[in-house]
Amino acid sequence: MDTKALDPQQIAEQVRDTMFANDQASRGLGMTFVEVGPGRATLTMTVRADMLNGFAIIHGGFVTTLADSAFAFACNSYNEQTVASGISVDFIAPAREGDVLTATAREVALSGRTGVYDITVTNQHGATIAVMRGKSYRLKGRAVFPQ
């Protein structure tokens, strides 16, 4: 494939495919894609019994992992290896076994090698479960997939 001829949407999709093939954590938690594009990504995950804490609600770490995965796919969507330099998560409401959570990440700002992304996690009824802000840092000269 001549990757130099790809448009930004095709690049984001190729990044998704390349990263997801190697992302054992996201796949192992049953995450699936709704959409991906330049600076954005949306993933879903169904809450399983093994994700529940002692109060029979989802452990915050799993909510954070879903949000972080959406963040990772959004900030890498330009085919430049990008890592998180920081996150801040606020939990708004609980989720329970069987709930389908959706994490939607969108780029807020991108300047030089740093970016800011907002991620919202909702349930199948559209209720907000958590919000996360992620800060990203691009690694110089490293592509997610070769061009």
N, C-alpha and C. Protein backbone atom coordinates (compact mmCIF):
# COMPACT_ATOMS: atom_id res chain seq x y z
N MET A 1 0.85 -1.17 0.00
CA MET A 1 0.00 0.00 0.00
C MET A 1 0.89 1.24 0.00
N ASP A 2 0.55 2.21 -0.82
CA ASP A 2 1.28 3.48 -0.87
C ASP A 2 0.67 4.40 0.18
N THR A 3 1.26 4.39 1.38
CA THR A 3 0.69 5.15 2.49
C THR A 3 0.83 6.65 2.32
N LYS A 4 1.71 7.11 1.43
CA LYS A 4 1.86 8.55 1.21
C LYS A 4 0.65 9.15 0.51
N ALA A 5 -0.16 8.31 -0.11
CA ALA A 5 -1.34 8.79 -0.82
C ALA A 5 -2.59 8.79 0.07
N LEU A 6 -2.46 8.42 1.33
CA LEU A 6 -3.61 8.34 2.21
C LEU A 6 -4.06 9.73 2.66
N ASP A 7 -5.39 9.91 2.76
CA ASP A 7 -5.91 11.16 3.31
C ASP A 7 -5.94 11.04 4.85
N PRO A 8 -6.20 12.15 5.57
CA PRO A 8 -6.16 12.11 7.04
C PRO A 8 -7.08 11.06 7.67
N GLN A 9 -8.26 10.85 7.11
CA GLN A 9 -9.16 9.83 7.65
C GLN A 9 -8.58 8.43 7.46
N GLN A 10 -8.02 8.16 6.29
CA GLN A 10 -7.41 6.86 6.04
C GLN A 10 -6.20 6.63 6.94
N ILE A 11 -5.44 7.68 7.20
CA ILE A 11 -4.30 7.57 8.12
C ILE A 11 -4.79 7.20 9.51
N ALA A 12 -5.83 7.88 9.99
CA ALA A 12 -6.39 7.59 11.32
C ALA A 12 -6.87 6.14 11.39
N GLU A 13 -7.49 5.65 10.33
CA GLU A 13 -7.97 4.27 10.31
C GLU A 13 -6.81 3.28 10.30
N GLN A 14 -5.76 3.58 9.57
CA GLN A 14 -4.58 2.70 9.54
C GLN A 14 -3.90 2.69 10.91
N VAL A 15 -3.81 3.85 11.55
CA VAL A 15 -3.25 3.92 12.91
C VAL A 15 -4.09 3.05 13.84
N ARG A 16 -5.41 3.20 13.77
CA ARG A 16 -6.31 2.38 14.61
C ARG A 16 -6.02 0.91 14.42
N ASP A 17 -5.97 0.46 13.17
CA ASP A 17 -5.76 -0.96 12.89
C ASP A 17 -4.40 -1.44 13.40
N THR A 18 -3.37 -0.63 13.19
CA THR A 18 -2.02 -1.01 13.61
C THR A 18 -1.92 -1.06 15.13
N MET A 19 -2.40 -0.02 15.79
CA MET A 19 -2.32 0.02 17.25
C MET A 19 -3.19 -1.05 17.90
N PHE A 20 -4.42 -1.20 17.41
CA PHE A 20 -5.36 -2.14 18.05
C PHE A 20 -4.87 -3.58 17.93
N ALA A 21 -4.20 -3.90 16.83
CA ALA A 21 -3.67 -5.25 16.66
C ALA A 21 -2.66 -5.60 17.75
N ASN A 22 -1.98 -4.59 18.30
CA ASN A 22 -0.97 -4.80 19.33
C ASN A 22 -1.44 -4.44 20.73
N ASP A 23 -2.67 -3.98 20.87
CA ASP A 23 -3.19 -3.48 22.14
C ASP A 23 -3.94 -4.59 22.88
N GLN A 24 -3.19 -5.42 23.59
CA GLN A 24 -3.79 -6.54 24.29
C GLN A 24 -4.73 -6.08 25.41
N ALA A 25 -4.41 -4.97 26.05
CA ALA A 25 -5.25 -4.49 27.15
C ALA A 25 -6.65 -4.12 26.66
N SER A 26 -6.71 -3.28 25.62
CA SER A 26 -8.02 -2.85 25.11
C SER A 26 -8.81 -4.02 24.56
N ARG A 27 -8.15 -4.87 23.80
CA ARG A 27 -8.84 -6.04 23.24
C ARG A 27 -9.29 -6.98 24.36
N GLY A 28 -8.43 -7.18 25.36
CA GLY A 28 -8.75 -8.09 26.45
C GLY A 28 -9.92 -7.63 27.29
N LEU A 29 -10.14 -6.32 27.34
CA LEU A 29 -11.29 -5.79 28.08
C LEU A 29 -12.55 -5.73 27.21
N GLY A 30 -12.44 -6.19 25.97
CA GLY A 30 -13.60 -6.25 25.09
C GLY A 30 -13.97 -4.94 24.43
N MET A 31 -13.03 -4.01 24.36
CA MET A 31 -13.32 -2.72 23.73
C MET A 31 -13.49 -2.90 22.23
N THR A 32 -14.42 -2.13 21.67
CA THR A 32 -14.63 -2.11 20.23
C THR A 32 -14.73 -0.65 19.78
N PHE A 33 -14.49 -0.45 18.50
CA PHE A 33 -14.52 0.90 17.94
C PHE A 33 -15.89 1.27 17.42
N VAL A 34 -16.27 2.51 17.66
CA VAL A 34 -17.43 3.11 17.04
C VAL A 34 -16.95 3.95 15.86
N GLU A 35 -15.91 4.76 16.11
CA GLU A 35 -15.34 5.58 15.04
C GLU A 35 -13.97 6.09 15.44
N VAL A 36 -13.22 6.48 14.42
CA VAL A 36 -11.92 7.11 14.61
C VAL A 36 -11.74 8.09 13.46
N GLY A 37 -11.01 9.15 13.74
CA GLY A 37 -10.71 10.14 12.71
C GLY A 37 -9.60 11.03 13.23
N PRO A 38 -9.17 11.98 12.46
CA PRO A 38 -8.10 12.87 12.90
C PRO A 38 -8.47 13.59 14.20
N GLY A 39 -7.72 13.31 15.27
CA GLY A 39 -7.95 13.97 16.55
C GLY A 39 -9.15 13.48 17.33
N ARG A 40 -9.71 12.34 16.95
CA ARG A 40 -10.89 11.85 17.67
C ARG A 40 -10.97 10.32 17.62
N ALA A 41 -11.64 9.76 18.61
CA ALA A 41 -11.88 8.32 18.64
C ALA A 41 -13.01 8.03 19.62
N THR A 42 -13.80 7.02 19.30
CA THR A 42 -14.88 6.58 20.17
C THR A 42 -14.83 5.06 20.28
N LEU A 43 -14.78 4.57 21.53
CA LEU A 43 -14.74 3.14 21.80
C LEU A 43 -15.85 2.78 22.78
N THR A 44 -16.26 1.52 22.75
CA THR A 44 -17.24 1.02 23.72
C THR A 44 -16.66 -0.17 24.48
N MET A 45 -17.25 -0.42 25.64
CA MET A 45 -16.87 -1.57 26.46
C MET A 45 -18.07 -1.94 27.33
N THR A 46 -18.38 -3.22 27.40
CA THR A 46 -19.46 -3.70 28.26
C THR A 46 -18.89 -4.05 29.63
N VAL A 47 -19.55 -3.58 30.68
CA VAL A 47 -19.11 -3.84 32.04
C VAL A 47 -19.39 -5.31 32.38
N ARG A 48 -18.31 -6.02 32.75
CA ARG A 48 -18.40 -7.44 33.10
C ARG A 48 -18.32 -7.60 34.62
N ALA A 49 -18.70 -8.77 35.10
CA ALA A 49 -18.66 -9.06 36.54
C ALA A 49 -17.25 -8.92 37.10
N ASP A 50 -16.23 -9.29 36.32
CA ASP A 50 -14.86 -9.21 36.83
C ASP A 50 -14.31 -7.79 36.82
N MET A 51 -15.13 -6.81 36.45
CA MET A 51 -14.74 -5.40 36.50
C MET A 51 -15.35 -4.67 37.69
N LEU A 52 -16.13 -5.37 38.50
CA LEU A 52 -16.85 -4.75 39.60
C LEU A 52 -16.01 -4.70 40.87
N ASN A 53 -16.21 -3.63 41.64
CA ASN A 53 -15.53 -3.52 42.93
C ASN A 53 -16.42 -4.08 44.03
N GLY A 54 -16.06 -3.84 45.28
CA GLY A 54 -16.80 -4.39 46.42
C GLY A 54 -18.19 -3.80 46.61
N PHE A 55 -18.52 -2.76 45.87
CA PHE A 55 -19.86 -2.16 45.94
C PHE A 55 -20.73 -2.56 44.75
N ALA A 56 -20.24 -3.51 43.94
CA ALA A 56 -20.95 -4.01 42.75
C ALA A 56 -21.12 -2.94 41.68
N ILE A 57 -20.16 -2.00 41.65
CA ILE A 57 -20.10 -1.02 40.57
C ILE A 57 -18.73 -1.14 39.92
N ILE A 58 -18.61 -0.61 38.70
CA ILE A 58 -17.34 -0.75 37.99
C ILE A 58 -16.21 -0.07 38.77
N HIS A 59 -15.09 -0.74 38.81
CA HIS A 59 -13.88 -0.17 39.42
C HIS A 59 -13.44 1.01 38.58
N GLY A 60 -13.08 2.11 39.21
CA GLY A 60 -12.68 3.32 38.49
C GLY A 60 -11.52 3.11 37.53
N GLY A 61 -10.66 2.15 37.82
CA GLY A 61 -9.54 1.87 36.93
C GLY A 61 -9.98 1.39 35.57
N PHE A 62 -11.09 0.67 35.50
CA PHE A 62 -11.58 0.20 34.21
C PHE A 62 -12.20 1.34 33.41
N VAL A 63 -12.90 2.23 34.09
CA VAL A 63 -13.44 3.42 33.41
C VAL A 63 -12.29 4.26 32.87
N THR A 64 -11.27 4.43 33.68
CA THR A 64 -10.10 5.20 33.26
C THR A 64 -9.40 4.54 32.08
N THR A 65 -9.29 3.23 32.11
CA THR A 65 -8.64 2.51 31.01
C THR A 65 -9.40 2.70 29.70
N LEU A 66 -10.72 2.64 29.75
CA LEU A 66 -11.52 2.88 28.55
C LEU A 66 -11.27 4.29 28.02
N ALA A 67 -11.32 5.28 28.91
CA ALA A 67 -11.08 6.67 28.51
C ALA A 67 -9.67 6.84 27.96
N ASP A 68 -8.70 6.21 28.61
CA ASP A 68 -7.31 6.32 28.18
C ASP A 68 -7.10 5.69 26.81
N SER A 69 -7.78 4.60 26.53
CA SER A 69 -7.66 3.98 25.20
C SER A 69 -8.22 4.90 24.12
N ALA A 70 -9.38 5.50 24.37
CA ALA A 70 -9.93 6.45 23.39
C ALA A 70 -8.96 7.61 23.19
N PHE A 71 -8.40 8.11 24.27
CA PHE A 71 -7.41 9.18 24.22
C PHE A 71 -6.21 8.77 23.37
N ALA A 72 -5.71 7.56 23.59
CA ALA A 72 -4.53 7.08 22.84
C ALA A 72 -4.79 7.02 21.34
N PHE A 73 -5.94 6.51 20.96
CA PHE A 73 -6.24 6.41 19.53
C PHE A 73 -6.47 7.78 18.91
N ALA A 74 -7.06 8.69 19.67
CA ALA A 74 -7.28 10.05 19.15
C ALA A 74 -5.96 10.78 18.95
N CYS A 75 -5.08 10.73 19.94
CA CYS A 75 -3.86 11.53 19.84
C CYS A 75 -2.80 10.91 18.94
N ASN A 76 -2.93 9.64 18.61
CA ASN A 76 -2.00 9.00 17.67
C ASN A 76 -2.54 9.00 16.24
N SER A 77 -3.70 9.55 16.03
CA SER A 77 -4.41 9.44 14.75
C SER A 77 -3.71 10.11 13.57
N TYR A 78 -2.67 10.89 13.86
CA TYR A 78 -1.93 11.55 12.77
C TYR A 78 -0.70 10.76 12.34
N ASN A 79 -0.55 9.55 12.88
CA ASN A 79 0.57 8.66 12.58
C ASN A 79 1.90 9.19 13.10
N GLU A 80 1.83 9.83 14.26
CA GLU A 80 3.04 10.22 14.97
C GLU A 80 2.91 9.66 16.38
N GLN A 81 3.85 8.77 16.76
CA GLN A 81 3.76 8.15 18.08
C GLN A 81 3.63 9.22 19.15
N THR A 82 2.57 9.08 19.95
CA THR A 82 2.23 10.06 20.97
C THR A 82 1.89 9.33 22.26
N VAL A 83 2.37 9.84 23.36
CA VAL A 83 2.12 9.22 24.66
C VAL A 83 1.43 10.22 25.58
N ALA A 84 0.83 9.70 26.62
CA ALA A 84 0.19 10.56 27.62
C ALA A 84 1.26 11.18 28.50
N SER A 85 1.14 12.46 28.75
CA SER A 85 2.03 13.10 29.73
C SER A 85 1.28 13.40 31.02
N GLY A 86 -0.02 13.22 31.01
CA GLY A 86 -0.82 13.39 32.21
C GLY A 86 -2.29 13.24 31.93
N ILE A 87 -3.02 12.79 32.94
CA ILE A 87 -4.48 12.70 32.83
C ILE A 87 -5.10 13.16 34.15
N SER A 88 -6.33 13.62 34.05
CA SER A 88 -7.13 13.96 35.21
C SER A 88 -8.51 13.38 34.97
N VAL A 89 -9.00 12.58 35.91
CA VAL A 89 -10.28 11.90 35.75
C VAL A 89 -11.23 12.31 36.87
N ASP A 90 -12.46 12.59 36.49
CA ASP A 90 -13.52 12.84 37.46
C ASP A 90 -14.62 11.82 37.23
N PHE A 91 -14.98 11.10 38.29
CA PHE A 91 -16.06 10.11 38.21
C PHE A 91 -17.36 10.81 38.58
N ILE A 92 -18.36 10.66 37.72
CA ILE A 92 -19.63 11.38 37.89
C ILE A 92 -20.73 10.47 38.42
N ALA A 93 -20.81 9.25 37.88
CA ALA A 93 -21.87 8.32 38.27
C ALA A 93 -21.35 6.89 38.16
N PRO A 94 -21.97 5.96 38.88
CA PRO A 94 -21.52 4.57 38.81
C PRO A 94 -22.04 3.87 37.55
N ALA A 95 -21.36 2.80 37.20
CA ALA A 95 -21.85 1.91 36.14
C ALA A 95 -21.89 0.51 36.73
N ARG A 96 -22.81 -0.29 36.22
CA ARG A 96 -23.04 -1.62 36.78
C ARG A 96 -22.87 -2.69 35.70
N GLU A 97 -22.82 -3.93 36.18
CA GLU A 97 -22.65 -5.05 35.26
C GLU A 97 -23.70 -5.00 34.15
N GLY A 98 -23.23 -5.18 32.93
CA GLY A 98 -24.12 -5.16 31.77
C GLY A 98 -24.22 -3.81 31.09
N ASP A 99 -23.84 -2.75 31.79
CA ASP A 99 -23.86 -1.43 31.16
C ASP A 99 -22.86 -1.39 30.00
N VAL A 100 -23.21 -0.69 28.96
CA VAL A 100 -22.32 -0.49 27.82
C VAL A 100 -21.80 0.94 27.90
N LEU A 101 -20.50 1.05 28.12
CA LEU A 101 -19.88 2.36 28.26
C LEU A 101 -19.26 2.79 26.94
N THR A 102 -19.38 4.07 26.64
CA THR A 102 -18.80 4.65 25.44
C THR A 102 -17.89 5.79 25.84
N ALA A 103 -16.64 5.72 25.37
CA ALA A 103 -15.67 6.79 25.62
C ALA A 103 -15.45 7.53 24.32
N THR A 104 -15.70 8.82 24.34
CA THR A 104 -15.51 9.67 23.17
C THR A 104 -14.41 10.67 23.47
N ALA A 105 -13.33 10.59 22.68
CA ALA A 105 -12.19 11.49 22.85
C ALA A 105 -12.17 12.48 21.71
N ARG A 106 -11.88 13.74 22.04
CA ARG A 106 -11.76 14.76 20.99
C ARG A 106 -10.61 15.69 21.33
N GLU A 107 -9.94 16.10 20.30
CA GLU A 107 -8.82 17.02 20.45
C GLU A 107 -9.33 18.41 20.79
N VAL A 108 -8.74 19.02 21.81
CA VAL A 108 -9.09 20.38 22.20
C VAL A 108 -8.04 21.35 21.67
N ALA A 109 -6.78 20.96 21.76
CA ALA A 109 -5.68 21.82 21.30
C ALA A 109 -4.50 20.95 20.90
N LEU A 110 -3.79 21.39 19.87
CA LEU A 110 -2.59 20.70 19.41
C LEU A 110 -1.61 21.77 18.97
N SER A 111 -0.44 21.80 19.63
CA SER A 111 0.55 22.81 19.33
C SER A 111 1.93 22.19 19.47
N GLY A 112 2.67 22.17 18.37
CA GLY A 112 3.99 21.56 18.41
C GLY A 112 3.88 20.09 18.75
N ARG A 113 4.55 19.70 19.82
CA ARG A 113 4.56 18.29 20.21
C ARG A 113 3.60 17.97 21.35
N THR A 114 2.79 18.94 21.78
CA THR A 114 1.86 18.69 22.88
C THR A 114 0.41 18.88 22.44
N GLY A 115 -0.46 18.16 23.11
CA GLY A 115 -1.88 18.26 22.82
C GLY A 115 -2.72 18.12 24.07
N VAL A 116 -3.96 18.55 23.97
CA VAL A 116 -4.93 18.42 25.05
C VAL A 116 -6.18 17.78 24.47
N TYR A 117 -6.71 16.78 25.17
CA TYR A 117 -7.86 16.02 24.71
C TYR A 117 -8.87 15.89 25.84
N ASP A 118 -10.15 16.02 25.50
CA ASP A 118 -11.22 15.78 26.45
C ASP A 118 -11.91 14.48 26.09
N ILE A 119 -12.15 13.66 27.11
CA ILE A 119 -12.77 12.36 26.91
C ILE A 119 -13.98 12.28 27.84
N THR A 120 -15.12 11.90 27.27
CA THR A 120 -16.34 11.72 28.05
C THR A 120 -16.75 10.26 27.97
N VAL A 121 -17.05 9.68 29.12
CA VAL A 121 -17.53 8.29 29.18
C VAL A 121 -19.00 8.33 29.57
N THR A 122 -19.84 7.73 28.74
CA THR A 122 -21.28 7.68 29.00
C THR A 122 -21.74 6.22 29.02
N ASN A 123 -22.95 6.01 29.55
CA ASN A 123 -23.53 4.66 29.49
C ASN A 123 -24.52 4.58 28.33
N GLN A 124 -25.18 3.45 28.20
CA GLN A 124 -26.08 3.21 27.07
C GLN A 124 -27.30 4.13 27.08
N HIS A 125 -27.54 4.82 28.19
CA HIS A 125 -28.66 5.76 28.29
C HIS A 125 -28.22 7.20 28.06
N GLY A 126 -26.92 7.39 27.80
CA GLY A 126 -26.39 8.73 27.57
C GLY A 126 -25.99 9.46 28.83
N ALA A 127 -26.11 8.80 29.99
CA ALA A 127 -25.71 9.43 31.25
C ALA A 127 -24.18 9.47 31.33
N THR A 128 -23.65 10.58 31.80
CA THR A 128 -22.20 10.72 31.93
C THR A 128 -21.72 9.94 33.15
N ILE A 129 -20.73 9.07 32.92
CA ILE A 129 -20.13 8.25 33.96
C ILE A 129 -18.84 8.90 34.46
N ALA A 130 -18.06 9.45 33.53
CA ALA A 130 -16.78 10.08 33.90
C ALA A 130 -16.36 11.05 32.81
N VAL A 131 -15.51 11.98 33.20
CA VAL A 131 -14.86 12.87 32.24
C VAL A 131 -13.36 12.82 32.53
N MET A 132 -12.59 12.91 31.48
CA MET A 132 -11.14 12.87 31.63
C MET A 132 -10.52 13.91 30.71
N ARG A 133 -9.48 14.55 31.18
CA ARG A 133 -8.68 15.43 30.32
C ARG A 133 -7.31 14.78 30.22
N GLY A 134 -6.84 14.62 28.99
CA GLY A 134 -5.53 14.04 28.77
C GLY A 134 -4.59 15.03 28.10
N LYS A 135 -3.36 15.01 28.53
CA LYS A 135 -2.32 15.82 27.90
C LYS A 135 -1.38 14.85 27.19
N SER A 136 -1.03 15.19 25.95
CA SER A 136 -0.21 14.28 25.15
C SER A 136 1.12 14.91 24.77
N TYR A 137 2.06 14.02 24.43
CA TYR A 137 3.39 14.45 23.99
C TYR A 137 3.80 13.57 22.81
N ARG A 138 4.11 14.22 21.66
CA ARG A 138 4.53 13.49 20.47
C ARG A 138 6.01 13.18 20.52
N LEU A 139 6.35 11.95 20.19
CA LEU A 139 7.74 11.53 20.13
C LEU A 139 8.29 11.92 18.76
N LYS A 140 9.40 12.54 18.74
CA LYS A 140 9.97 13.08 17.50
C LYS A 140 10.39 11.96 16.54
N GLY A 141 9.89 12.05 15.30
CA GLY A 141 10.35 11.19 14.23
C GLY A 141 9.93 9.72 14.32
N ARG A 142 8.87 9.41 15.06
CA ARG A 142 8.42 8.02 15.17
C ARG A 142 6.99 7.89 14.66
N ALA A 143 6.82 7.10 13.64
CA ALA A 143 5.50 6.85 13.07
C ALA A 143 4.88 5.62 13.75
N VAL A 144 3.56 5.57 13.79
CA VAL A 144 2.86 4.39 14.28
C VAL A 144 2.99 3.27 13.26
N PHE A 145 2.84 3.62 11.99
CA PHE A 145 3.04 2.65 10.91
C PHE A 145 3.92 3.34 9.85
N PRO A 146 4.73 2.57 9.15
CA PRO A 146 5.66 3.19 8.19
C PRO A 146 4.93 3.80 6.99
N GLN A 147 5.47 4.90 6.50
CA GLN A 147 4.90 5.55 5.33
C GLN A 147 5.87 5.49 4.18
